[in-house]
Structure formats: structure tokens, C-alpha cells
Protein backbone atom coordinates (compact mmCIF):
# COMPACT_ATOMS: atom_id res chain seq x y z
CA MET A 1 -8.86 -26.22 30.09
CA LYS A 2 -9.70 -24.05 33.07
CA THR A 3 -7.18 -23.20 35.74
CA VAL A 4 -7.81 -21.80 39.20
CA PHE A 5 -4.73 -20.58 41.04
CA LEU A 6 -5.32 -20.13 44.77
CA LEU A 7 -3.10 -18.34 47.26
CA PHE A 8 -3.71 -18.25 51.00
CA ASP A 9 -1.77 -16.30 53.59
CA SER A 10 -0.94 -18.12 56.81
CA LEU A 11 -2.77 -21.33 55.96
CA ASN A 12 -1.14 -24.33 57.60
CA LYS A 13 -1.70 -27.44 55.49
CA ARG A 14 -1.61 -29.62 58.64
CA MET A 15 -4.99 -28.11 59.54
CA LEU A 16 -6.63 -29.34 56.31
CA ASN A 17 -8.38 -32.72 56.29
CA SER A 18 -7.07 -33.45 52.78
CA TYR A 19 -3.52 -33.30 54.16
CA GLY A 20 -4.33 -35.42 57.20
CA GLY A 21 -5.46 -32.67 59.57
CA LYS A 22 -7.85 -33.84 62.28
CA TYR A 23 -8.28 -30.72 64.45
CA ILE A 24 -11.11 -29.03 62.54
CA GLU A 25 -13.47 -29.97 59.75
CA THR A 26 -12.63 -28.37 56.39
CA PRO A 27 -15.48 -29.43 54.08
CA ASN A 28 -14.90 -26.72 51.46
CA PHE A 29 -11.22 -27.58 51.16
CA ASN A 30 -12.15 -31.29 51.05
CA ARG A 31 -14.43 -30.68 48.05
CA LEU A 32 -11.77 -28.60 46.35
CA ALA A 33 -9.12 -31.29 46.94
CA LYS A 34 -11.31 -33.98 45.31
CA LYS A 35 -11.54 -31.92 42.11
CA SER A 36 -7.98 -30.61 42.06
CA VAL A 37 -4.34 -31.46 41.78
CA GLN A 38 -2.95 -31.36 45.28
CA PHE A 39 0.71 -30.52 45.84
CA ASN A 40 2.64 -32.18 48.63
CA ASN A 41 5.90 -30.25 48.27
CA HIS A 42 6.34 -26.53 47.96
CA TYR A 43 9.61 -24.65 47.90
CA ILE A 44 9.53 -20.95 48.61
CA GLY A 45 12.04 -18.36 47.52
CA SER A 46 10.77 -15.41 49.54
CA MET A 47 8.90 -15.61 52.83
CA PRO A 48 7.05 -12.28 53.20
CA CYS A 49 3.75 -12.26 51.32
CA MET A 50 4.45 -9.64 48.63
CA PRO A 51 7.95 -10.88 47.65
CA ALA A 52 6.56 -14.44 47.55
CA ARG A 53 3.73 -13.28 45.28
CA ARG A 54 6.20 -11.50 43.01
CA ASP A 55 8.22 -14.74 42.81
CA MET A 56 5.10 -16.66 41.76
CA HIS A 57 3.87 -14.01 39.33
CA SER A 58 7.20 -13.56 37.57
CA GLY A 59 8.89 -16.92 38.10
CA ARG A 60 11.96 -15.10 39.36
CA LEU A 61 13.28 -15.10 42.92
CA SER A 62 13.55 -11.55 44.09
CA PHE A 63 13.90 -11.22 47.86
CA LEU A 64 17.68 -11.51 47.98
CA HIS A 65 18.12 -8.34 45.93
CA ARG A 66 14.82 -6.56 46.38
CA LEU A 67 12.44 -6.04 49.28
CA TRP A 68 8.66 -5.77 49.49
CA GLY A 69 7.19 -3.97 46.49
CA PRO A 70 5.18 -3.94 43.29
CA LEU A 71 5.62 -5.84 40.08
CA GLU A 72 7.87 -3.72 37.91
CA PRO A 73 6.98 -2.75 34.32
CA PHE A 74 9.67 -5.17 33.09
CA ASP A 75 8.30 -8.14 35.10
CA ASN A 76 6.48 -10.76 33.05
CA SER A 77 3.54 -11.88 35.14
CA PHE A 78 1.74 -15.18 34.56
CA PRO A 79 -1.76 -13.60 34.32
CA GLU A 80 -0.39 -11.11 31.81
CA ILE A 81 1.17 -13.90 29.72
CA LEU A 82 -2.10 -15.84 29.83
CA ARG A 83 -4.06 -12.74 28.83
CA GLN A 84 -1.71 -12.14 25.88
CA ASN A 85 -2.47 -15.70 24.77
CA GLN A 86 -6.25 -15.17 24.78
CA THR A 87 -6.88 -16.70 28.20
CA TYR A 88 -9.18 -14.61 30.35
CA THR A 89 -7.81 -14.00 33.84
CA HIS A 90 -9.70 -12.70 36.87
CA LEU A 91 -8.42 -11.94 40.37
CA ILE A 92 -10.58 -12.17 43.49
CA THR A 93 -8.63 -11.00 46.50
CA ASP A 94 -8.89 -9.68 50.02
CA HIS A 95 -5.15 -8.96 50.01
CA TYR A 96 -5.21 -5.20 50.47
CA HIS A 97 -1.45 -4.92 50.00
CA TYR A 98 -2.08 -5.11 46.23
CA PHE A 99 -3.76 -1.71 46.46
CA GLU A 100 -1.59 0.25 48.89
CA ASP A 101 1.44 2.41 48.16
CA GLY A 102 4.40 0.25 47.28
CA GLY A 103 2.36 -2.86 46.51
CA ALA A 104 0.39 -1.86 43.43
CA THR A 105 0.54 -3.26 39.88
CA TYR A 106 -0.34 -6.87 40.69
CA HIS A 107 -4.09 -6.59 40.14
CA ASN A 108 -3.85 -4.71 36.86
CA ARG A 109 -2.05 -7.63 35.20
CA PHE A 110 -5.39 -9.47 35.19
CA ASN A 111 -8.24 -8.82 32.74
CA SER A 112 -10.48 -7.94 35.67
CA TRP A 113 -10.48 -8.06 39.45
CA ASP A 114 -12.66 -7.94 42.57
CA PHE A 115 -11.37 -6.58 45.86
CA ILE A 116 -13.05 -7.82 49.05
CA ARG A 117 -12.44 -5.07 51.58
CA GLY A 118 -11.78 -5.11 55.31
CA GLN A 119 -8.87 -7.46 55.96
CA GLU A 120 -6.15 -6.56 58.44
CA MET A 121 -5.52 -2.82 58.50
CA ASP A 122 -7.22 -1.96 55.20
CA PRO A 123 -8.56 1.61 55.55
CA TRP A 124 -12.02 0.33 54.61
CA LYS A 125 -14.33 1.83 57.17
CA ALA A 126 -14.15 5.26 58.71
CA MET A 127 -15.18 6.26 62.20
CA VAL A 128 -14.64 9.84 63.28
CA GLN A 129 -15.53 8.95 66.87
CA PRO A 130 -14.79 5.21 67.31
CA PRO A 131 -16.15 3.58 70.48
CA LEU A 132 -12.72 3.33 72.09
CA GLU A 133 -13.85 1.86 75.40
CA LYS A 134 -15.83 -0.87 73.63
CA LEU A 135 -12.87 -1.66 71.36
CA ARG A 136 -10.43 -1.74 74.29
CA GLU A 137 -12.54 -4.44 75.94
CA LYS A 138 -11.85 -6.76 72.98
CA TYR A 139 -8.14 -6.15 72.43
CA HIS A 140 -4.93 -6.18 74.42
CA LYS A 141 -4.21 -2.91 76.21
CA LEU A 142 -0.90 -2.47 74.37
CA GLN A 143 -2.68 -2.53 71.02
CA LEU A 144 -5.25 0.17 71.71
CA ASN A 145 -3.69 2.26 74.42
CA ASP A 146 -3.52 5.80 73.04
CA PRO A 147 -6.42 7.54 71.24
CA ALA A 148 -3.94 10.05 69.76
CA LEU A 149 -2.67 7.22 67.58
CA LEU A 150 -5.92 7.36 65.61
CA ARG A 151 -4.78 10.65 64.12
CA SER A 152 -1.10 9.79 63.85
CA ASN A 153 0.77 8.32 60.93
CA SER A 154 2.35 5.57 63.01
CA ASP A 155 2.11 1.82 62.52
CA ALA A 156 0.23 1.63 65.83
CA ARG A 157 -2.68 3.46 64.14
CA LYS A 158 -3.21 0.28 62.11
CA TYR A 159 -4.39 -1.59 65.22
CA TYR A 160 -7.23 0.89 65.54
CA GLN A 161 -8.13 0.41 61.87
CA TYR A 162 -8.19 -3.37 62.34
CA ALA A 163 -10.49 -2.99 65.35
CA ILE A 164 -12.79 -0.61 63.46
CA ASN A 165 -12.98 -2.97 60.44
CA SER A 166 -13.82 -5.85 62.77
CA GLU A 167 -16.88 -3.98 64.01
CA PHE A 168 -18.37 -4.20 60.50
CA ILE A 169 -17.55 -7.84 59.74
CA LYS A 170 -20.34 -9.80 61.38
CA GLU A 171 -19.78 -13.20 59.75
CA GLU A 172 -17.63 -15.00 57.25
CA LYS A 173 -19.22 -16.20 54.06
């Protein structure tokens, strides 16, 4: 038996044709639904992405006593359990939180992994002199209002990183 476990951030099932969505065409999801078990009910224990992923990896609800963070050494993770039972596991992700401080140790529970760079504020691409005026034309003035933020350690710096990453992503595959 082969199992594919898919997680999507911010995907509204009402937008998918296989769940009755009529707003956009979703041919890839339609093909996947025809070959898959489709769930109609889902109950979540933790809403932010990393606590929810820890819940799913470990089978234990964690957000009431623990905030955003990594899998702990004592957490039993489903890919680790599968691997220990001679099932090969592979992670393909664009979820950069797995690789940043405070979010690590999810990917190394798999036998192997691929990381698709450039989502959100992933520090993927560097620009010493970003084209600030060009970027400001595309984004709200409150997001990219102070060039000094590029060199700061503030959360606002992440908007600049998102804008810089977007300059390198020309199309979705």
C-alpha cells in the first residue's frame, strides 16, 4: 500500500470542485479526488500552522499547553514510526517554518526531504540594493514604507523579503 499525506495552508475546501466549489476550475484536485479517499469532516485541535502540524505528527493536542515550536525529542511522529517499520517516507514542502529557528525537527523525521524555497518571508533570495521604488508600486505603502527596515531585525523586514522573493517567482508550476 502507498500513502500520500497532503497538507495545505489556507486552502478553503469550498473552492474545490470535488467539494462542490464552482468559483474556479481545480482540475488537479479533481484528478486527485478521483483516486483518493476524500474526507468531509475534519476536527482541529490547534489552529496556527505549526501547532496543528505537531498535533498531526504526534497525535497529541498541544496548543493548550505549548505554543508554536518544533517536535520535541520525546514526540513520536508518524513519519518516524513508519520509517521504523520499514516504510520509506519523503517530505516535499514549501513550508519554510520547518527550517527556521523554533520550528525545526519536523523534516528530519522523514527518510528524505525536498524544500521548495521562496514562500512567504523565507530568506531565499538576497538583494543588497533592492529596487525599492519598483517594489513599492506593487505593495501597500504601509508594508514597504521604510528602507531602514531592510537592515533591521523587525517583523516589518519580512515584508521586504516577501517582495524580493516575489521578483524571482515568475510562474507557478
